[in-house]
Amino acid sequence: MKMRTRLIVVGAGLVLLALLMYVFLIRPRQADLADTQTQIATEENTTQALQLELARLQALEENAPELNAQLKKVRGLVPRKASVERFIRQIQRVADEAGVEFVDIGPEVAKPPPEGAAVAEVRMTVGVGGDFFSVQDFVRRFYDLERAVRIDILGLAASEDITGERTLTLTATARIFFELPPGSVAVPEADGTITPGTEATPPPGGDGTTPPPAS
């Protein structure tokens, strides 16, 4: 019996020792290993994201000349200033090149667009007259102008003089756009026009409240 009891005690001691080794030695190591594996996975994901960002920046650097050219083109479509006189000269030039008989341009004052975009617009009426081919050529050249133009209304009418010669008259209501000055907003006037205005500045107090009276 003593030998059997001794074996049982020794076996129980070994089991207890193994349990203690697992709790105090192996299990913490497993937790540390799991944390290390998680950190490695996180760092690998971060490295991959940085590599993708680096590749994107390198691609942007390589395409910088092309992107700058595109930006310059967009700046020309919606310039910083209205440049109405320049646009009228462009219309007159394409009218001369198309060979139309007459051109009539009537610009209005700058107004905020009804779409609510952060730009200003100048609406104008454009009328030209001539034979079919000259008017057609004018329309083609008009759409090729280096300026963003939106045509809201387009009308055509034909007339015939006493000699039987036909004249085609085109009338269009178009809008051109330009940027507002940086840090300003479009301030509508009483007649619907706009003037560049700065953003509202809060009164003393910083947050728009009235400062407390001095003690």
N, C-alpha and C. Protein backbone atom coordinates (compact mmCIF):
# COMPACT_ATOMS: atom_id res chain seq x y z
N MET A 1 0.83 -1.21 0.00
CA MET A 1 0.00 0.00 0.00
C MET A 1 0.86 1.25 0.00
N LYS A 2 1.95 1.19 0.74
CA LYS A 2 2.79 2.37 0.79
C LYS A 2 3.36 2.69 -0.59
N MET A 3 3.79 1.66 -1.30
CA MET A 3 4.34 1.89 -2.63
C MET A 3 3.28 2.47 -3.57
N ARG A 4 2.08 1.93 -3.47
CA ARG A 4 1.00 2.42 -4.34
C ARG A 4 0.66 3.85 -4.01
N THR A 5 0.60 4.12 -2.70
CA THR A 5 0.29 5.50 -2.29
C THR A 5 1.38 6.45 -2.75
N ARG A 6 2.63 5.97 -2.64
CA ARG A 6 3.74 6.81 -3.06
C ARG A 6 3.66 7.08 -4.56
N LEU A 7 3.31 6.08 -5.34
CA LEU A 7 3.20 6.27 -6.78
C LEU A 7 2.08 7.26 -7.12
N ILE A 8 0.99 7.14 -6.38
CA ILE A 8 -0.13 8.06 -6.62
C ILE A 8 0.28 9.50 -6.31
N VAL A 9 0.99 9.65 -5.18
CA VAL A 9 1.43 10.99 -4.78
C VAL A 9 2.41 11.55 -5.80
N VAL A 10 3.35 10.70 -6.25
CA VAL A 10 4.32 11.15 -7.24
C VAL A 10 3.63 11.52 -8.54
N GLY A 11 2.67 10.68 -8.96
CA GLY A 11 1.94 10.98 -10.19
C GLY A 11 1.16 12.27 -10.09
N ALA A 12 0.50 12.46 -8.93
CA ALA A 12 -0.25 13.70 -8.74
C ALA A 12 0.69 14.90 -8.74
N GLY A 13 1.87 14.71 -8.14
CA GLY A 13 2.84 15.81 -8.13
C GLY A 13 3.32 16.16 -9.53
N LEU A 14 3.55 15.12 -10.34
CA LEU A 14 3.98 15.38 -11.71
C LEU A 14 2.90 16.10 -12.51
N VAL A 15 1.66 15.66 -12.31
CA VAL A 15 0.55 16.33 -13.01
C VAL A 15 0.45 17.79 -12.57
N LEU A 16 0.58 18.00 -11.25
CA LEU A 16 0.51 19.37 -10.75
C LEU A 16 1.67 20.21 -11.28
N LEU A 17 2.86 19.59 -11.34
CA LEU A 17 4.02 20.31 -11.86
C LEU A 17 3.82 20.67 -13.33
N ALA A 18 3.28 19.71 -14.09
CA ALA A 18 3.03 19.98 -15.51
C ALA A 18 2.00 21.09 -15.68
N LEU A 19 0.97 21.06 -14.81
CA LEU A 19 -0.05 22.10 -14.88
C LEU A 19 0.53 23.47 -14.55
N LEU A 20 1.38 23.50 -13.52
CA LEU A 20 2.01 24.77 -13.15
C LEU A 20 2.94 25.28 -14.26
N MET A 21 3.66 24.37 -14.89
CA MET A 21 4.54 24.77 -15.99
C MET A 21 3.73 25.34 -17.15
N TYR A 22 2.58 24.72 -17.41
CA TYR A 22 1.73 25.22 -18.51
C TYR A 22 1.19 26.60 -18.18
N VAL A 23 0.72 26.76 -16.92
CA VAL A 23 0.09 28.03 -16.54
C VAL A 23 1.11 29.16 -16.49
N PHE A 24 2.28 28.89 -15.93
CA PHE A 24 3.23 29.97 -15.68
C PHE A 24 4.32 30.10 -16.75
N LEU A 25 4.52 29.07 -17.55
CA LEU A 25 5.59 29.13 -18.55
C LEU A 25 5.06 29.06 -19.98
N ILE A 26 4.31 28.02 -20.29
CA ILE A 26 3.91 27.78 -21.68
C ILE A 26 2.80 28.73 -22.10
N ARG A 27 1.77 28.88 -21.27
CA ARG A 27 0.63 29.71 -21.67
C ARG A 27 1.03 31.17 -21.90
N PRO A 28 1.82 31.80 -21.01
CA PRO A 28 2.26 33.18 -21.30
C PRO A 28 3.06 33.27 -22.60
N ARG A 29 3.88 32.23 -22.86
CA ARG A 29 4.65 32.24 -24.10
C ARG A 29 3.72 32.17 -25.31
N GLN A 30 2.66 31.38 -25.19
CA GLN A 30 1.70 31.30 -26.29
C GLN A 30 1.02 32.64 -26.53
N ALA A 31 0.67 33.32 -25.41
CA ALA A 31 0.04 34.64 -25.55
C ALA A 31 1.01 35.63 -26.19
N ASP A 32 2.29 35.57 -25.74
CA ASP A 32 3.29 36.46 -26.34
C ASP A 32 3.47 36.15 -27.81
N LEU A 33 3.46 34.86 -28.15
CA LEU A 33 3.62 34.47 -29.55
C LEU A 33 2.44 34.97 -30.39
N ALA A 34 1.22 34.87 -29.84
CA ALA A 34 0.05 35.35 -30.56
C ALA A 34 0.12 36.86 -30.77
N ASP A 35 0.55 37.59 -29.71
CA ASP A 35 0.70 39.04 -29.85
C ASP A 35 1.76 39.38 -30.89
N THR A 36 2.86 38.64 -30.87
CA THR A 36 3.92 38.89 -31.84
C THR A 36 3.44 38.63 -33.26
N GLN A 37 2.69 37.55 -33.45
CA GLN A 37 2.15 37.25 -34.77
C GLN A 37 1.18 38.34 -35.23
N THR A 38 0.37 38.85 -34.29
CA THR A 38 -0.56 39.94 -34.63
C THR A 38 0.20 41.19 -35.03
N GLN A 39 1.26 41.51 -34.28
CA GLN A 39 2.07 42.68 -34.60
C GLN A 39 2.75 42.52 -35.96
N ILE A 40 3.22 41.31 -36.24
CA ILE A 40 3.86 41.06 -37.54
C ILE A 40 2.86 41.26 -38.67
N ALA A 41 1.64 40.73 -38.49
CA ALA A 41 0.61 40.89 -39.52
C ALA A 41 0.26 42.36 -39.71
N THR A 42 0.17 43.11 -38.59
CA THR A 42 -0.14 44.54 -38.68
C THR A 42 0.96 45.29 -39.42
N GLU A 43 2.21 44.99 -39.08
CA GLU A 43 3.34 45.65 -39.73
C GLU A 43 3.39 45.30 -41.22
N GLU A 44 3.07 44.04 -41.55
CA GLU A 44 3.06 43.65 -42.96
C GLU A 44 1.98 44.42 -43.72
N ASN A 45 0.80 44.58 -43.10
CA ASN A 45 -0.27 45.35 -43.74
C ASN A 45 0.14 46.81 -43.90
N THR A 46 0.79 47.36 -42.86
CA THR A 46 1.24 48.75 -42.94
C THR A 46 2.29 48.91 -44.03
N THR A 47 3.21 47.96 -44.10
CA THR A 47 4.25 48.01 -45.13
C THR A 47 3.64 47.94 -46.53
N GLN A 48 2.66 47.06 -46.69
CA GLN A 48 2.00 46.94 -47.99
C GLN A 48 1.28 48.23 -48.36
N ALA A 49 0.60 48.84 -47.37
CA ALA A 49 -0.10 50.10 -47.64
C ALA A 49 0.89 51.20 -48.00
N LEU A 50 2.03 51.25 -47.30
CA LEU A 50 3.05 52.26 -47.62
C LEU A 50 3.65 52.03 -49.00
N GLN A 51 3.83 50.78 -49.36
CA GLN A 51 4.36 50.48 -50.69
C GLN A 51 3.38 50.92 -51.77
N LEU A 52 2.08 50.68 -51.54
CA LEU A 52 1.08 51.12 -52.51
C LEU A 52 1.05 52.65 -52.60
N GLU A 53 1.14 53.32 -51.45
CA GLU A 53 1.15 54.79 -51.46
C GLU A 53 2.40 55.31 -52.16
N LEU A 54 3.54 54.66 -51.92
CA LEU A 54 4.77 55.06 -52.59
C LEU A 54 4.65 54.88 -54.10
N ALA A 55 4.06 53.76 -54.52
CA ALA A 55 3.87 53.53 -55.95
C ALA A 55 2.94 54.58 -56.55
N ARG A 56 1.90 54.96 -55.80
CA ARG A 56 0.97 55.98 -56.30
C ARG A 56 1.67 57.33 -56.44
N LEU A 57 2.48 57.69 -55.44
CA LEU A 57 3.20 58.96 -55.50
C LEU A 57 4.23 58.96 -56.63
N GLN A 58 4.89 57.82 -56.83
CA GLN A 58 5.85 57.74 -57.93
C GLN A 58 5.16 57.87 -59.27
N ALA A 59 3.96 57.27 -59.38
CA ALA A 59 3.20 57.40 -60.63
C ALA A 59 2.77 58.85 -60.85
N LEU A 60 2.37 59.53 -59.76
CA LEU A 60 2.01 60.94 -59.89
C LEU A 60 3.21 61.78 -60.32
N GLU A 61 4.37 61.45 -59.76
CA GLU A 61 5.57 62.20 -60.13
C GLU A 61 5.91 61.98 -61.60
N GLU A 62 5.76 60.74 -62.05
CA GLU A 62 6.05 60.45 -63.45
C GLU A 62 5.06 61.14 -64.39
N ASN A 63 3.80 61.25 -63.93
CA ASN A 63 2.75 61.85 -64.77
C ASN A 63 2.56 63.33 -64.49
N ALA A 64 3.47 63.92 -63.69
CA ALA A 64 3.31 65.33 -63.31
C ALA A 64 3.19 66.26 -64.52
N PRO A 65 4.04 66.13 -65.54
CA PRO A 65 3.89 67.04 -66.70
C PRO A 65 2.52 66.93 -67.36
N GLU A 66 2.03 65.69 -67.52
CA GLU A 66 0.72 65.51 -68.14
C GLU A 66 -0.39 66.06 -67.26
N LEU A 67 -0.29 65.83 -65.93
CA LEU A 67 -1.30 66.34 -65.01
C LEU A 67 -1.30 67.86 -64.98
N ASN A 68 -0.12 68.47 -65.02
CA ASN A 68 -0.03 69.93 -65.04
C ASN A 68 -0.65 70.49 -66.32
N ALA A 69 -0.44 69.78 -67.43
CA ALA A 69 -1.04 70.23 -68.69
C ALA A 69 -2.56 70.14 -68.62
N GLN A 70 -3.07 69.06 -68.03
CA GLN A 70 -4.52 68.93 -67.88
C GLN A 70 -5.08 70.00 -66.96
N LEU A 71 -4.36 70.29 -65.86
CA LEU A 71 -4.80 71.34 -64.95
C LEU A 71 -4.82 72.69 -65.64
N LYS A 72 -3.82 72.95 -66.45
CA LYS A 72 -3.78 74.21 -67.19
C LYS A 72 -4.96 74.31 -68.16
N LYS A 73 -5.31 73.18 -68.77
CA LYS A 73 -6.45 73.18 -69.68
C LYS A 73 -7.75 73.45 -68.94
N VAL A 74 -7.90 72.84 -67.75
CA VAL A 74 -9.10 73.08 -66.95
C VAL A 74 -9.16 74.53 -66.50
N ARG A 75 -8.01 75.09 -66.12
CA ARG A 75 -7.97 76.50 -65.74
C ARG A 75 -8.42 77.38 -66.89
N GLY A 76 -8.12 76.97 -68.11
CA GLY A 76 -8.57 77.74 -69.26
C GLY A 76 -10.07 77.63 -69.48
N LEU A 77 -10.64 76.46 -69.16
CA LEU A 77 -12.08 76.28 -69.33
C LEU A 77 -12.88 77.10 -68.33
N VAL A 78 -12.39 77.16 -67.09
CA VAL A 78 -13.03 77.95 -66.03
C VAL A 78 -11.95 78.84 -65.42
N PRO A 79 -11.68 79.99 -66.04
CA PRO A 79 -10.57 80.83 -65.57
C PRO A 79 -10.90 81.52 -64.25
N ARG A 80 -9.88 82.18 -63.70
CA ARG A 80 -10.06 82.89 -62.44
C ARG A 80 -10.83 84.19 -62.61
N LYS A 81 -10.82 84.74 -63.82
CA LYS A 81 -11.54 85.98 -64.10
C LYS A 81 -12.58 85.73 -65.19
N ALA A 82 -13.56 86.62 -65.26
CA ALA A 82 -14.65 86.44 -66.23
C ALA A 82 -14.12 86.48 -67.66
N SER A 83 -13.23 87.42 -67.96
CA SER A 83 -12.62 87.54 -69.30
C SER A 83 -13.68 87.54 -70.40
N VAL A 84 -14.74 88.33 -70.19
CA VAL A 84 -15.83 88.37 -71.16
C VAL A 84 -15.35 88.93 -72.50
N GLU A 85 -14.53 89.99 -72.44
CA GLU A 85 -14.05 90.60 -73.68
C GLU A 85 -13.26 89.60 -74.52
N ARG A 86 -12.44 88.81 -73.85
CA ARG A 86 -11.66 87.81 -74.58
C ARG A 86 -12.57 86.77 -75.22
N PHE A 87 -13.61 86.35 -74.49
CA PHE A 87 -14.53 85.36 -75.03
C PHE A 87 -15.29 85.93 -76.23
N ILE A 88 -15.67 87.20 -76.16
CA ILE A 88 -16.36 87.82 -77.30
C ILE A 88 -15.43 87.86 -78.51
N ARG A 89 -14.16 88.16 -78.28
CA ARG A 89 -13.21 88.16 -79.40
C ARG A 89 -13.07 86.76 -80.00
N GLN A 90 -13.12 85.74 -79.15
CA GLN A 90 -13.05 84.37 -79.66
C GLN A 90 -14.27 84.05 -80.53
N ILE A 91 -15.45 84.48 -80.09
CA ILE A 91 -16.65 84.24 -80.89
C ILE A 91 -16.56 84.98 -82.22
N GLN A 92 -16.08 86.22 -82.18
CA GLN A 92 -15.95 86.99 -83.41
C GLN A 92 -14.96 86.33 -84.36
N ARG A 93 -13.89 85.77 -83.79
CA ARG A 93 -12.89 85.11 -84.63
C ARG A 93 -13.46 83.89 -85.33
N VAL A 94 -14.19 83.03 -84.57
CA VAL A 94 -14.75 81.83 -85.20
C VAL A 94 -15.85 82.21 -86.18
N ALA A 95 -16.55 83.32 -85.93
CA ALA A 95 -17.56 83.77 -86.89
C ALA A 95 -16.91 84.19 -88.20
N ASP A 96 -15.78 84.90 -88.10
CA ASP A 96 -15.05 85.29 -89.31
C ASP A 96 -14.52 84.07 -90.04
N GLU A 97 -13.99 83.10 -89.27
CA GLU A 97 -13.45 81.90 -89.90
C GLU A 97 -14.54 81.07 -90.57
N ALA A 98 -15.74 81.06 -89.97
CA ALA A 98 -16.84 80.28 -90.54
C ALA A 98 -17.48 80.99 -91.72
N GLY A 99 -17.30 82.31 -91.83
CA GLY A 99 -17.84 83.05 -92.95
C GLY A 99 -19.31 83.39 -92.83
N VAL A 100 -19.81 83.53 -91.59
CA VAL A 100 -21.21 83.93 -91.42
C VAL A 100 -21.36 85.40 -91.81
N GLU A 101 -22.60 85.79 -92.13
CA GLU A 101 -22.84 87.15 -92.61
C GLU A 101 -22.84 88.16 -91.47
N PHE A 102 -23.33 87.77 -90.31
CA PHE A 102 -23.34 88.70 -89.18
C PHE A 102 -23.28 87.90 -87.88
N VAL A 103 -22.86 88.57 -86.82
CA VAL A 103 -22.83 87.98 -85.49
C VAL A 103 -23.24 89.05 -84.50
N ASP A 104 -24.09 88.69 -83.57
CA ASP A 104 -24.58 89.62 -82.56
C ASP A 104 -24.40 88.97 -81.19
N ILE A 105 -23.69 89.66 -80.28
CA ILE A 105 -23.37 89.12 -78.96
C ILE A 105 -23.86 90.09 -77.91
N GLY A 106 -24.65 89.60 -76.96
CA GLY A 106 -25.17 90.44 -75.89
C GLY A 106 -24.92 89.85 -74.53
N PRO A 107 -23.78 90.19 -73.88
CA PRO A 107 -23.50 89.63 -72.54
C PRO A 107 -24.29 90.35 -71.45
N GLU A 108 -24.58 89.62 -70.39
CA GLU A 108 -25.22 90.19 -69.21
C GLU A 108 -24.19 90.34 -68.10
N VAL A 109 -24.62 90.88 -66.97
CA VAL A 109 -23.71 91.01 -65.83
C VAL A 109 -23.56 89.66 -65.15
N ALA A 110 -22.48 89.52 -64.40
CA ALA A 110 -22.20 88.25 -63.71
C ALA A 110 -23.25 87.98 -62.65
N LYS A 111 -23.64 86.71 -62.54
CA LYS A 111 -24.63 86.28 -61.56
C LYS A 111 -24.22 84.92 -61.00
N PRO A 112 -24.73 84.58 -59.82
CA PRO A 112 -24.49 83.22 -59.31
C PRO A 112 -25.31 82.23 -60.12
N PRO A 113 -24.77 81.08 -60.48
CA PRO A 113 -25.54 80.11 -61.27
C PRO A 113 -26.68 79.53 -60.46
N PRO A 114 -27.80 79.22 -61.10
CA PRO A 114 -28.94 78.65 -60.36
C PRO A 114 -28.64 77.28 -59.79
N GLU A 115 -27.62 76.59 -60.32
CA GLU A 115 -27.28 75.26 -59.79
C GLU A 115 -26.61 75.34 -58.43
N GLY A 116 -26.19 76.54 -58.01
CA GLY A 116 -25.58 76.70 -56.70
C GLY A 116 -24.11 76.32 -56.66
N ALA A 117 -23.44 76.24 -57.80
CA ALA A 117 -22.01 75.89 -57.81
C ALA A 117 -21.19 77.05 -57.27
N ALA A 118 -19.98 76.73 -56.80
CA ALA A 118 -19.09 77.74 -56.22
C ALA A 118 -18.33 78.47 -57.32
N VAL A 119 -19.04 78.95 -58.32
CA VAL A 119 -18.47 79.73 -59.41
C VAL A 119 -19.44 80.87 -59.71
N ALA A 120 -19.02 81.76 -60.59
CA ALA A 120 -19.90 82.80 -61.09
C ALA A 120 -20.11 82.57 -62.58
N GLU A 121 -21.21 83.07 -63.10
CA GLU A 121 -21.52 82.86 -64.51
C GLU A 121 -21.82 84.19 -65.18
N VAL A 122 -21.60 84.22 -66.48
CA VAL A 122 -22.01 85.34 -67.32
C VAL A 122 -22.88 84.76 -68.43
N ARG A 123 -24.14 85.16 -68.42
CA ARG A 123 -25.06 84.70 -69.46
C ARG A 123 -25.01 85.67 -70.63
N MET A 124 -25.12 85.13 -71.83
CA MET A 124 -25.11 85.98 -73.01
C MET A 124 -25.95 85.36 -74.12
N THR A 125 -26.43 86.22 -74.99
CA THR A 125 -27.14 85.76 -76.18
C THR A 125 -26.21 85.93 -77.38
N VAL A 126 -26.21 84.93 -78.22
CA VAL A 126 -25.36 84.93 -79.41
C VAL A 126 -26.25 84.67 -80.62
N GLY A 127 -26.16 85.54 -81.60
CA GLY A 127 -26.93 85.36 -82.82
C GLY A 127 -26.03 85.47 -84.04
N VAL A 128 -26.17 84.56 -84.97
CA VAL A 128 -25.40 84.59 -86.22
C VAL A 128 -26.34 84.27 -87.37
N GLY A 129 -25.96 84.72 -88.53
CA GLY A 129 -26.76 84.45 -89.72
C GLY A 129 -25.88 84.19 -90.92
N GLY A 130 -26.35 83.36 -91.82
CA GLY A 130 -25.60 83.04 -93.02
C GLY A 130 -26.24 81.86 -93.72
N ASP A 131 -25.51 81.28 -94.66
CA ASP A 131 -26.05 80.09 -95.31
C ASP A 131 -25.87 78.88 -94.40
N PHE A 132 -26.42 77.76 -94.83
CA PHE A 132 -26.43 76.57 -93.98
C PHE A 132 -25.02 76.14 -93.59
N PHE A 133 -24.11 76.11 -94.55
CA PHE A 133 -22.77 75.58 -94.29
C PHE A 133 -21.96 76.50 -93.38
N SER A 134 -22.11 77.81 -93.54
CA SER A 134 -21.36 78.73 -92.68
C SER A 134 -21.87 78.68 -91.24
N VAL A 135 -23.20 78.58 -91.07
CA VAL A 135 -23.75 78.48 -89.72
C VAL A 135 -23.35 77.15 -89.09
N GLN A 136 -23.38 76.09 -89.87
CA GLN A 136 -22.95 74.79 -89.35
C GLN A 136 -21.49 74.83 -88.93
N ASP A 137 -20.65 75.47 -89.72
CA ASP A 137 -19.23 75.58 -89.39
C ASP A 137 -19.04 76.43 -88.14
N PHE A 138 -19.85 77.48 -87.99
CA PHE A 138 -19.76 78.32 -86.79
C PHE A 138 -20.08 77.50 -85.54
N VAL A 139 -21.14 76.69 -85.59
CA VAL A 139 -21.51 75.87 -84.43
C VAL A 139 -20.38 74.91 -84.07
N ARG A 140 -19.78 74.31 -85.07
CA ARG A 140 -18.67 73.37 -84.80
C ARG A 140 -17.51 74.10 -84.14
N ARG A 141 -17.16 75.25 -84.66
CA ARG A 141 -16.05 76.01 -84.08
C ARG A 141 -16.41 76.55 -82.70
N PHE A 142 -17.67 76.90 -82.50
CA PHE A 142 -18.11 77.43 -81.21
C PHE A 142 -17.93 76.39 -80.11
N TYR A 143 -18.25 75.13 -80.42
CA TYR A 143 -18.09 74.07 -79.43
C TYR A 143 -16.61 73.75 -79.17
N ASP A 144 -15.74 74.15 -80.07
CA ASP A 144 -14.31 73.87 -79.90
C ASP A 144 -13.58 74.99 -79.17
N LEU A 145 -14.29 76.02 -78.73
CA LEU A 145 -13.64 77.11 -78.01
C LEU A 145 -13.00 76.61 -76.72
N GLU A 146 -11.88 77.21 -76.35
CA GLU A 146 -11.16 76.80 -75.13
C GLU A 146 -11.77 77.50 -73.92
N ARG A 147 -13.05 77.25 -73.71
CA ARG A 147 -13.77 77.84 -72.58
C ARG A 147 -14.99 76.97 -72.31
N ALA A 148 -15.27 76.71 -71.04
CA ALA A 148 -16.45 75.92 -70.69
C ALA A 148 -17.70 76.74 -70.99
N VAL A 149 -18.51 76.27 -71.91
CA VAL A 149 -19.72 76.98 -72.34
C VAL A 149 -20.91 76.04 -72.18
N ARG A 150 -21.96 76.54 -71.57
CA ARG A 150 -23.20 75.78 -71.48
C ARG A 150 -24.26 76.51 -72.29
N ILE A 151 -24.84 75.82 -73.26
CA ILE A 151 -25.90 76.39 -74.09
C ILE A 151 -27.24 75.93 -73.51
N ASP A 152 -28.02 76.88 -73.03
CA ASP A 152 -29.32 76.57 -72.45
C ASP A 152 -30.44 76.56 -73.49
N ILE A 153 -30.38 77.49 -74.44
CA ILE A 153 -31.42 77.60 -75.46
C ILE A 153 -30.75 77.74 -76.82
N LEU A 154 -31.23 76.99 -77.78
CA LEU A 154 -30.69 77.05 -79.14
C LEU A 154 -31.85 77.06 -80.11
N GLY A 155 -31.87 78.07 -80.97
CA GLY A 155 -32.96 78.18 -81.93
C GLY A 155 -32.45 78.44 -83.34
N LEU A 156 -33.18 77.96 -84.33
CA LEU A 156 -32.84 78.15 -85.74
C LEU A 156 -34.07 78.67 -86.47
N ALA A 157 -33.83 79.58 -87.38
CA ALA A 157 -34.91 80.11 -88.21
C ALA A 157 -34.37 80.38 -89.60
N ALA A 158 -35.19 80.14 -90.61
CA ALA A 158 -34.79 80.35 -92.00
C ALA A 158 -35.65 81.45 -92.60
N SER A 159 -35.03 82.27 -93.43
CA SER A 159 -35.74 83.34 -94.12
C SER A 159 -35.27 83.39 -95.57
N GLU A 160 -36.07 84.04 -96.40
CA GLU A 160 -35.75 84.11 -97.83
C GLU A 160 -36.02 85.53 -98.31
N ASP A 161 -35.04 86.11 -99.02
CA ASP A 161 -35.22 87.48 -99.51
C ASP A 161 -35.93 87.46 -100.87
N ILE A 162 -36.07 88.63 -101.46
CA ILE A 162 -36.83 88.73 -102.71
C ILE A 162 -36.12 88.06 -103.87
N THR A 163 -34.82 87.85 -103.72
CA THR A 163 -34.07 87.18 -104.79
C THR A 163 -34.14 85.66 -104.67
N GLY A 164 -34.75 85.18 -103.58
CA GLY A 164 -34.83 83.74 -103.38
C GLY A 164 -33.67 83.17 -102.59
N GLU A 165 -32.76 84.03 -102.15
CA GLU A 165 -31.62 83.54 -101.37
C GLU A 165 -32.05 83.33 -99.93
N ARG A 166 -31.72 82.17 -99.40
CA ARG A 166 -32.12 81.82 -98.05
C ARG A 166 -31.01 82.13 -97.05
N THR A 167 -31.44 82.60 -95.89
CA THR A 167 -30.52 82.89 -94.79
C THR A 167 -30.97 82.12 -93.56
N LEU A 168 -30.03 81.45 -92.95
CA LEU A 168 -30.30 80.69 -91.72
C LEU A 168 -29.81 81.52 -90.54
N THR A 169 -30.70 81.75 -89.57
CA THR A 169 -30.35 82.53 -88.39
C THR A 169 -30.34 81.62 -87.16
N LEU A 170 -29.24 81.66 -86.44
CA LEU A 170 -29.09 80.87 -85.21
C LEU A 170 -29.06 81.82 -84.02
N THR A 171 -29.85 81.51 -83.02
CA THR A 171 -29.82 82.27 -81.76
C THR A 171 -29.58 81.29 -80.62
N ALA A 172 -28.71 81.67 -79.72
CA ALA A 172 -28.35 80.79 -78.60
C ALA A 172 -28.24 81.61 -77.33
N THR A 173 -28.70 81.03 -76.24
CA THR A 173 -28.47 81.59 -74.91
C THR A 173 -27.46 80.69 -74.22
N ALA A 174 -26.31 81.26 -73.94
CA ALA A 174 -25.20 80.47 -73.41
C ALA A 174 -24.69 81.08 -72.12
N ARG A 175 -23.93 80.28 -71.37
CA ARG A 175 -23.32 80.74 -70.13
C ARG A 175 -21.86 80.34 -70.09
N ILE A 176 -21.01 81.26 -69.65
CA ILE A 176 -19.62 80.94 -69.37
C ILE A 176 -19.40 81.13 -67.87
N PHE A 177 -18.36 80.50 -67.35
CA PHE A 177 -18.15 80.47 -65.90
C PHE A 177 -16.73 80.92 -65.57
N PHE A 178 -16.58 81.43 -64.36
CA PHE A 178 -15.25 81.78 -63.86
C PHE A 178 -15.22 81.58 -62.35
N GLU A 179 -14.02 81.42 -61.82
CA GLU A 179 -13.85 81.14 -60.40
C GLU A 179 -14.10 82.39 -59.56
N LEU A 180 -14.57 82.15 -58.34
CA LEU A 180 -14.63 83.24 -57.38
C LEU A 180 -13.25 83.44 -56.77
N PRO A 181 -12.91 84.65 -56.36
CA PRO A 181 -11.61 84.87 -55.72
C PRO A 181 -11.47 84.00 -54.49
N PRO A 182 -10.26 83.51 -54.19
CA PRO A 182 -10.06 82.66 -53.00
C PRO A 182 -10.49 83.38 -51.73
N GLY A 183 -11.21 82.65 -50.87
CA GLY A 183 -11.65 83.21 -49.60
C GLY A 183 -12.83 84.13 -49.69
N SER A 184 -13.51 84.18 -50.84
CA SER A 184 -14.67 85.05 -50.99
C SER A 184 -15.88 84.23 -51.38
N VAL A 185 -17.04 84.86 -51.28
CA VAL A 185 -18.29 84.20 -51.62
C VAL A 185 -19.05 85.10 -52.58
N ALA A 186 -19.98 84.50 -53.32
CA ALA A 186 -20.82 85.28 -54.23
C ALA A 186 -21.92 85.96 -53.43
N VAL A 187 -21.90 87.29 -53.41
CA VAL A 187 -22.89 88.05 -52.65
C VAL A 187 -23.92 88.61 -53.62
N PRO A 188 -25.17 88.11 -53.62
CA PRO A 188 -26.17 88.62 -54.55
C PRO A 188 -26.54 90.06 -54.23
N GLU A 189 -26.64 90.89 -55.27
CA GLU A 189 -27.12 92.25 -55.11
C GLU A 189 -28.63 92.27 -55.30
N ALA A 190 -29.21 93.45 -55.17
CA ALA A 190 -30.67 93.56 -55.28
C ALA A 190 -31.17 93.18 -56.66
N ASP A 191 -30.34 93.42 -57.69
CA ASP A 191 -30.76 93.12 -59.05
C ASP A 191 -30.34 91.73 -59.50
N GLY A 192 -29.80 90.93 -58.58
CA GLY A 192 -29.41 89.57 -58.92
C GLY A 192 -27.97 89.44 -59.33
N THR A 193 -27.24 90.55 -59.48
CA THR A 193 -25.84 90.46 -59.83
C THR A 193 -25.04 90.09 -58.59
N ILE A 194 -23.76 89.82 -58.79
CA ILE A 194 -22.92 89.45 -57.67
C ILE A 194 -21.68 90.31 -57.64
N THR A 195 -21.15 90.45 -56.47
CA THR A 195 -19.85 91.08 -56.29
C THR A 195 -19.05 90.21 -55.35
N PRO A 196 -17.72 90.15 -55.53
CA PRO A 196 -16.94 89.33 -54.60
C PRO A 196 -17.05 89.89 -53.20
N GLY A 197 -17.37 89.03 -52.24
CA GLY A 197 -17.48 89.44 -50.85
C GLY A 197 -16.74 88.48 -49.97
N THR A 198 -16.16 88.96 -48.91
CA THR A 198 -15.43 88.09 -48.00
C THR A 198 -16.40 87.41 -47.08
N GLU A 199 -15.96 86.31 -46.51
CA GLU A 199 -16.81 85.57 -45.58
C GLU A 199 -17.04 86.41 -44.33
N ALA A 200 -18.18 86.17 -43.72
CA ALA A 200 -18.55 86.96 -42.55
C ALA A 200 -17.56 86.75 -41.42
N THR A 201 -17.18 87.84 -40.75
CA THR A 201 -16.26 87.77 -39.62
C THR A 201 -17.06 87.92 -38.34
N PRO A 202 -16.94 86.99 -37.38
CA PRO A 202 -17.72 87.09 -36.16
C PRO A 202 -17.32 88.31 -35.35
N PRO A 203 -18.24 88.87 -34.59
CA PRO A 203 -17.93 90.04 -33.77
C PRO A 203 -16.99 89.67 -32.64
N PRO A 204 -16.48 90.67 -31.91
CA PRO A 204 -15.56 90.37 -30.81
C PRO A 204 -16.17 89.36 -29.86
N GLY A 205 -15.36 88.42 -29.47
CA GLY A 205 -15.84 87.32 -28.64
C GLY A 205 -15.42 86.01 -29.25
N GLY A 206 -15.07 86.04 -30.59
CA GLY A 206 -14.48 84.88 -31.24
C GLY A 206 -15.49 83.89 -31.74
N ASP A 207 -16.57 83.64 -30.99
CA ASP A 207 -17.53 82.63 -31.40
C ASP A 207 -18.84 83.23 -31.84
N GLY A 208 -18.85 84.54 -32.07
CA GLY A 208 -20.06 85.19 -32.53
C GLY A 208 -20.94 85.69 -31.40
N THR A 209 -20.53 85.50 -30.14
CA THR A 209 -21.31 85.97 -29.02
C THR A 209 -20.82 87.33 -28.58
N THR A 210 -21.63 88.04 -27.82
CA THR A 210 -21.24 89.35 -27.32
C THR A 210 -20.30 89.18 -26.14
N PRO A 211 -19.16 89.87 -26.13
CA PRO A 211 -18.22 89.70 -25.02
C PRO A 211 -18.81 90.22 -23.73
N PRO A 212 -18.42 89.64 -22.60
CA PRO A 212 -18.94 90.10 -21.31
C PRO A 212 -18.47 91.51 -21.01
N PRO A 213 -19.28 92.28 -20.28
CA PRO A 213 -18.88 93.66 -19.95
C PRO A 213 -17.65 93.67 -19.07
N ALA A 214 -16.86 94.71 -19.24
CA ALA A 214 -15.65 94.82 -18.43
C ALA A 214 -16.02 95.09 -16.99
N SER A 215 -15.30 94.45 -16.08
CA SER A 215 -15.59 94.63 -14.66
C SER A 215 -14.92 95.90 -14.14
